[in-house]
PDB file of N, CA and C in Angstrom:
ATOM      1  N   MET A   1     -16.225  26.330   8.779  1.00  0.00           N
ATOM      2  CA  MET A   1     -16.962  25.321   8.032  1.00  0.00           C
ATOM      3  C   MET A   1     -17.643  24.370   8.996  1.00  0.00           C
ATOM      4  N   ASP A   2     -18.851  23.925   8.772  1.00  0.00           N
ATOM      5  CA  ASP A   2     -19.562  23.007   9.558  1.00  0.00           C
ATOM      6  C   ASP A   2     -18.915  21.612   9.485  1.00  0.00           C
ATOM      7  N   ARG A   3     -18.761  21.076  10.683  1.00  0.00           N
ATOM      8  CA  ARG A   3     -18.072  19.712  10.832  1.00  0.00           C
ATOM      9  C   ARG A   3     -18.780  18.656  10.017  1.00  0.00           C
ATOM     10  N   ASN A   4     -20.090  18.631  10.077  1.00  0.00           N
ATOM     11  CA  ASN A   4     -20.862  17.591   9.271  1.00  0.00           C
ATOM     12  C   ASN A   4     -20.628  17.736   7.747  1.00  0.00           C
ATOM     13  N   ILE A   5     -20.439  18.964   7.268  1.00  0.00           N
ATOM     14  CA  ILE A   5     -20.207  19.147   5.857  1.00  0.00           C
ATOM     15  C   ILE A   5     -18.814  18.465   5.575  1.00  0.00           C
ATOM     16  N   VAL A   6     -17.780  18.767   6.407  1.00  0.00           N
ATOM     17  CA  VAL A   6     -16.596  18.253   6.174  1.00  0.00           C
ATOM     18  C   VAL A   6     -16.530  16.718   6.248  1.00  0.00           C
ATOM     19  N   ILE A   7     -17.188  16.113   7.264  1.00  0.00           N
ATOM     20  CA  ILE A   7     -17.227  14.713   7.395  1.00  0.00           C
ATOM     21  C   ILE A   7     -17.990  14.106   6.126  1.00  0.00           C
ATOM     22  N   ASN A   8     -19.083  14.709   5.654  1.00  0.00           N
ATOM     23  CA  ASN A   8     -19.728  14.259   4.550  1.00  0.00           C
ATOM     24  C   ASN A   8     -18.860  14.206   3.228  1.00  0.00           C
ATOM     25  N   ALA A   9     -18.139  15.325   3.076  1.00  0.00           N
ATOM     26  CA  ALA A   9     -17.289  15.379   1.939  1.00  0.00           C
ATOM     27  C   ALA A   9     -16.166  14.379   1.951  1.00  0.00           C
ATOM     28  N   ARG A  10     -15.563  14.187   3.120  1.00  0.00           N
ATOM     29  CA  ARG A  10     -14.489  13.254   3.298  1.00  0.00           C
ATOM     30  C   ARG A  10     -15.082  11.778   3.112  1.00  0.00           C
ATOM     31  N   SER A  11     -16.224  11.582   3.596  1.00  0.00           N
ATOM     32  CA  SER A  11     -16.857  10.252   3.445  1.00  0.00           C
ATOM     33  C   SER A  11     -17.106   9.885   2.006  1.00  0.00           C
ATOM     34  N   ASN A  12     -17.668  10.917   1.329  1.00  0.00           N
ATOM     35  CA  ASN A  12     -17.903  10.749  -0.208  1.00  0.00           C
ATOM     36  C   ASN A  12     -16.543  10.497  -0.943  1.00  0.00           C
ATOM     37  N   ARG A  13     -15.632  11.259  -0.626  1.00  0.00           N
ATOM     38  CA  ARG A  13     -14.238  10.984  -1.273  1.00  0.00           C
ATOM     39  C   ARG A  13     -13.776   9.568  -0.902  1.00  0.00           C
ATOM     40  N   TRP A  14     -13.789   9.235   0.340  1.00  0.00           N
ATOM     41  CA  TRP A  14     -13.409   7.910   0.892  1.00  0.00           C
ATOM     42  C   TRP A  14     -14.032   6.779   0.069  1.00  0.00           C
ATOM     43  N   ASN A  15     -15.337   6.958  -0.183  1.00  0.00           N
ATOM     44  CA  ASN A  15     -16.074   5.883  -0.896  1.00  0.00           C
ATOM     45  C   ASN A  15     -15.743   5.758  -2.328  1.00  0.00           C
ATOM     46  N   ARG A  16     -15.145   6.921  -2.984  1.00  0.00           N
ATOM     47  CA  ARG A  16     -14.925   6.968  -4.426  1.00  0.00           C
ATOM     48  C   ARG A  16     -13.438   6.527  -4.695  1.00  0.00           C
ATOM     49  N   MET A  17     -12.576   6.595  -3.665  1.00  0.00           N
ATOM     50  CA  MET A  17     -11.170   6.342  -3.930  1.00  0.00           C
ATOM     51  C   MET A  17     -10.902   4.893  -4.456  1.00  0.00           C
ATOM     52  N   THR A  18      -9.894   4.854  -5.368  1.00  0.00           N
ATOM     53  CA  THR A  18      -9.521   3.517  -5.878  1.00  0.00           C
ATOM     54  C   THR A  18      -8.414   2.955  -5.081  1.00  0.00           C
ATOM     55  N   LYS A  19      -7.699   3.720  -4.307  1.00  0.00           N
ATOM     56  CA  LYS A  19      -6.574   3.273  -3.432  1.00  0.00           C
ATOM     57  C   LYS A  19      -7.243   2.986  -2.069  1.00  0.00           C
ATOM     58  N   ALA A  20      -6.507   2.334  -1.208  1.00  0.00           N
ATOM     59  CA  ALA A  20      -6.869   2.101   0.234  1.00  0.00           C
ATOM     60  C   ALA A  20      -8.061   1.195   0.359  1.00  0.00           C
ATOM     61  N   ALA A  21      -8.263   0.165  -0.632  1.00  0.00           N
ATOM     62  CA  ALA A  21      -9.388  -0.679  -0.541  1.00  0.00           C
ATOM     63  C   ALA A  21      -9.381  -1.557   0.693  1.00  0.00           C
ATOM     64  N   TRP A  22      -8.178  -1.900   1.078  1.00  0.00           N
ATOM     65  CA  TRP A  22      -8.079  -2.799   2.325  1.00  0.00           C
ATOM     66  C   TRP A  22      -8.580  -1.929   3.525  1.00  0.00           C
ATOM     67  N   THR A  23      -8.162  -0.765   3.658  1.00  0.00           N
ATOM     68  CA  THR A  23      -8.560   0.175   4.795  1.00  0.00           C
ATOM     69  C   THR A  23     -10.064   0.329   4.770  1.00  0.00           C
ATOM     70  N   ARG A  24     -10.720   0.458   3.608  1.00  0.00           N
ATOM     71  CA  ARG A  24     -12.155   0.611   3.541  1.00  0.00           C
ATOM     72  C   ARG A  24     -12.850  -0.663   3.989  1.00  0.00           C
ATOM     73  N   ARG A  25     -12.266  -1.808   3.769  1.00  0.00           N
ATOM     74  CA  ARG A  25     -12.831  -3.033   4.250  1.00  0.00           C
ATOM     75  C   ARG A  25     -12.903  -3.045   5.708  1.00  0.00           C
ATOM     76  N   VAL A  26     -11.864  -2.549   6.434  1.00  0.00           N
ATOM     77  CA  VAL A  26     -11.840  -2.432   7.832  1.00  0.00           C
ATOM     78  C   VAL A  26     -12.701  -1.384   8.408  1.00  0.00           C
ATOM     79  N   LEU A  27     -12.775  -0.226   7.706  1.00  0.00           N
ATOM     80  CA  LEU A  27     -13.533   0.896   8.093  1.00  0.00           C
ATOM     81  C   LEU A  27     -14.504   1.281   6.959  1.00  0.00           C
ATOM     82  N   PRO A  28     -15.630   0.557   6.802  1.00  0.00           N
ATOM     83  CA  PRO A  28     -16.460   0.823   5.631  1.00  0.00           C
ATOM     84  C   PRO A  28     -17.275   2.169   5.832  1.00  0.00           C
ATOM     85  N   ASP A  29     -17.402   2.571   7.077  1.00  0.00           N
ATOM     86  CA  ASP A  29     -18.185   3.775   7.349  1.00  0.00           C
ATOM     87  C   ASP A  29     -17.365   4.832   8.024  1.00  0.00           C
ATOM     88  N   LEU A  30     -16.766   5.655   7.262  1.00  0.00           N
ATOM     89  CA  LEU A  30     -15.840   6.708   7.815  1.00  0.00           C
ATOM     90  C   LEU A  30     -16.491   7.633   8.858  1.00  0.00           C
ATOM     91  N   ARG A  31     -17.763   8.028   8.529  1.00  0.00           N
ATOM     92  CA  ARG A  31     -18.494   8.823   9.502  1.00  0.00           C
ATOM     93  C   ARG A  31     -18.561   8.244  10.857  1.00  0.00           C
ATOM     94  N   ARG A  32     -18.900   6.910  10.888  1.00  0.00           N
ATOM     95  CA  ARG A  32     -18.984   6.248  12.184  1.00  0.00           C
ATOM     96  C   ARG A  32     -17.643   6.128  12.864  1.00  0.00           C
ATOM     97  N   TRP A  33     -16.574   6.020  12.196  1.00  0.00           N
ATOM     98  CA  TRP A  33     -15.222   6.009  12.673  1.00  0.00           C
ATOM     99  C   TRP A  33     -14.829   7.333  13.285  1.00  0.00           C
ATOM    100  N   VAL A  34     -15.207   8.359  12.588  1.00  0.00           N
ATOM    101  CA  VAL A  34     -14.846   9.709  13.014  1.00  0.00           C
ATOM    102  C   VAL A  34     -15.553  10.154  14.307  1.00  0.00           C
ATOM    103  N   LEU A  35     -16.851   9.707  14.347  1.00  0.00           N
ATOM    104  CA  LEU A  35     -17.722  10.147  15.477  1.00  0.00           C
ATOM    105  C   LEU A  35     -17.655   9.195  16.680  1.00  0.00           C
ATOM    106  N   ARG A  36     -16.912   8.076  16.626  1.00  0.00           N
ATOM    107  CA  ARG A  36     -16.901   7.114  17.677  1.00  0.00           C
ATOM    108  C   ARG A  36     -16.321   7.739  18.974  1.00  0.00           C
ATOM    109  N   ARG A  37     -16.652   7.040  20.023  1.00  0.00           N
ATOM    110  CA  ARG A  37     -16.093   7.305  21.402  1.00  0.00           C
ATOM    111  C   ARG A  37     -15.697   5.991  22.044  1.00  0.00           C
ATOM    112  N   PRO A  38     -14.637   5.809  22.762  1.00  0.00           N
ATOM    113  CA  PRO A  38     -13.574   6.847  22.965  1.00  0.00           C
ATOM    114  C   PRO A  38     -12.667   6.839  21.759  1.00  0.00           C
ATOM    115  N   LYS A  39     -11.846   7.905  21.666  1.00  0.00           N
ATOM    116  CA  LYS A  39     -10.845   7.965  20.630  1.00  0.00           C
ATOM    117  C   LYS A  39      -9.483   7.356  21.085  1.00  0.00           C
ATOM    118  N   ASP A  40      -9.350   6.124  20.813  1.00  0.00           N
ATOM    119  CA  ASP A  40      -8.166   5.410  21.283  1.00  0.00           C
ATOM    120  C   ASP A  40      -7.298   4.945  20.057  1.00  0.00           C
ATOM    121  N   LEU A  41      -7.055   5.816  19.258  1.00  0.00           N
ATOM    122  CA  LEU A  41      -6.252   5.574  18.007  1.00  0.00           C
ATOM    123  C   LEU A  41      -4.817   5.610  18.342  1.00  0.00           C
ATOM    124  N   THR A  42      -4.134   4.500  18.251  1.00  0.00           N
ATOM    125  CA  THR A  42      -2.711   4.468  18.605  1.00  0.00           C
ATOM    126  C   THR A  42      -1.803   4.560  17.318  1.00  0.00           C
ATOM    127  N   PHE A  43      -0.543   4.636  17.604  1.00  0.00           N
ATOM    128  CA  PHE A  43       0.436   4.707  16.514  1.00  0.00           C
ATOM    129  C   PHE A  43       0.286   3.390  15.671  1.00  0.00           C
ATOM    130  N   HIS A  44       0.261   2.247  16.291  1.00  0.00           N
ATOM    131  CA  HIS A  44       0.184   0.938  15.612  1.00  0.00           C
ATOM    132  C   HIS A  44      -1.124   0.729  14.896  1.00  0.00           C
ATOM    133  N   VAL A  45      -2.225   1.125  15.476  1.00  0.00           N
ATOM    134  CA  VAL A  45      -3.490   1.109  14.620  1.00  0.00           C
ATOM    135  C   VAL A  45      -3.403   1.933  13.437  1.00  0.00           C
ATOM    136  N   THR A  46      -2.968   3.141  13.642  1.00  0.00           N
ATOM    137  CA  THR A  46      -2.848   4.068  12.445  1.00  0.00           C
ATOM    138  C   THR A  46      -1.985   3.390  11.386  1.00  0.00           C
ATOM    139  N   GLN A  47      -0.834   2.885  11.728  1.00  0.00           N
ATOM    140  CA  GLN A  47      -0.020   2.263  10.713  1.00  0.00           C
ATOM    141  C   GLN A  47      -0.677   1.179  10.022  1.00  0.00           C
ATOM    142  N   ALA A  48      -1.363   0.265  10.769  1.00  0.00           N
ATOM    143  CA  ALA A  48      -2.084  -0.786  10.136  1.00  0.00           C
ATOM    144  C   ALA A  48      -3.133  -0.393   9.178  1.00  0.00           C
ATOM    145  N   LEU A  49      -3.968   0.554   9.600  1.00  0.00           N
ATOM    146  CA  LEU A  49      -5.064   1.080   8.782  1.00  0.00           C
ATOM    147  C   LEU A  49      -4.639   1.738   7.513  1.00  0.00           C
ATOM    148  N   THR A  50      -3.483   2.409   7.526  1.00  0.00           N
ATOM    149  CA  THR A  50      -3.078   3.120   6.324  1.00  0.00           C
ATOM    150  C   THR A  50      -2.117   2.277   5.452  1.00  0.00           C
ATOM    151  N   GLY A  51      -1.770   1.085   5.883  1.00  0.00           N
ATOM    152  CA  GLY A  51      -0.855   0.144   5.104  1.00  0.00           C
ATOM    153  C   GLY A  51       0.555   0.613   5.219  1.00  0.00           C
ATOM    154  N   HIS A  52       0.923   1.478   6.144  1.00  0.00           N
ATOM    155  CA  HIS A  52       2.311   1.810   6.262  1.00  0.00           C
ATOM    156  C   HIS A  52       2.991   1.253   7.513  1.00  0.00           C
ATOM    157  N   GLU A  53       2.376   0.209   7.989  1.00  0.00           N
ATOM    158  CA  GLU A  53       2.908  -0.314   9.232  1.00  0.00           C
ATOM    159  C   GLU A  53       4.356  -0.778   9.125  1.00  0.00           C
ATOM    160  N   CYS A  54       5.023  -0.617  10.180  1.00  0.00           N
ATOM    161  CA  CYS A  54       6.466  -1.077  10.238  1.00  0.00           C
ATOM    162  C   CYS A  54       6.558  -2.571  10.501  1.00  0.00           C
ATOM    163  N   PHE A  55       5.374  -3.265  10.743  1.00  0.00           N
ATOM    164  CA  PHE A  55       5.544  -4.726  10.985  1.00  0.00           C
ATOM    165  C   PHE A  55       4.778  -5.566   9.886  1.00  0.00           C
ATOM    166  N   ARG A  56       4.712  -4.987   8.695  1.00  0.00           N
ATOM    167  CA  ARG A  56       4.001  -5.657   7.581  1.00  0.00           C
ATOM    168  C   ARG A  56       4.597  -7.020   7.322  1.00  0.00           C
ATOM    169  N   HIS A  57       5.941  -7.216   7.507  1.00  0.00           N
ATOM    170  CA  HIS A  57       6.493  -8.526   7.224  1.00  0.00           C
ATOM    171  C   HIS A  57       5.966  -9.648   8.092  1.00  0.00           C
ATOM    172  N   CYS A  58       5.366  -9.227   9.288  1.00  0.00           N
ATOM    173  CA  CYS A  58       4.892 -10.217  10.207  1.00  0.00           C
ATOM    174  C   CYS A  58       3.613 -10.882   9.724  1.00  0.00           C
ATOM    175  N   PHE A  59       2.856 -10.197   8.835  1.00  0.00           N
ATOM    176  CA  PHE A  59       1.554 -10.726   8.294  1.00  0.00           C
ATOM    177  C   PHE A  59       1.665 -11.446   7.051  1.00  0.00           C
ATOM    178  N   CYS A  60       2.816 -11.505   6.412  1.00  0.00           N
ATOM    179  CA  CYS A  60       3.018 -12.117   5.063  1.00  0.00           C
ATOM    180  C   CYS A  60       3.220 -13.607   5.203  1.00  0.00           C
TER     181      CYS A  60
END
């Protein structure tokens, strides 16, 4: 399957989701995020973006 087709499909789904509104505020353009360089996504960034961070209590 063509990568652009997959990215477009995921972007459309991302924009229609009712959950993860906070994450969409940080990453409003999923296509731009996926295609960015360099790819320096760390464990902690992933945790923060998905709302599953182990340090949530630090922000409350």
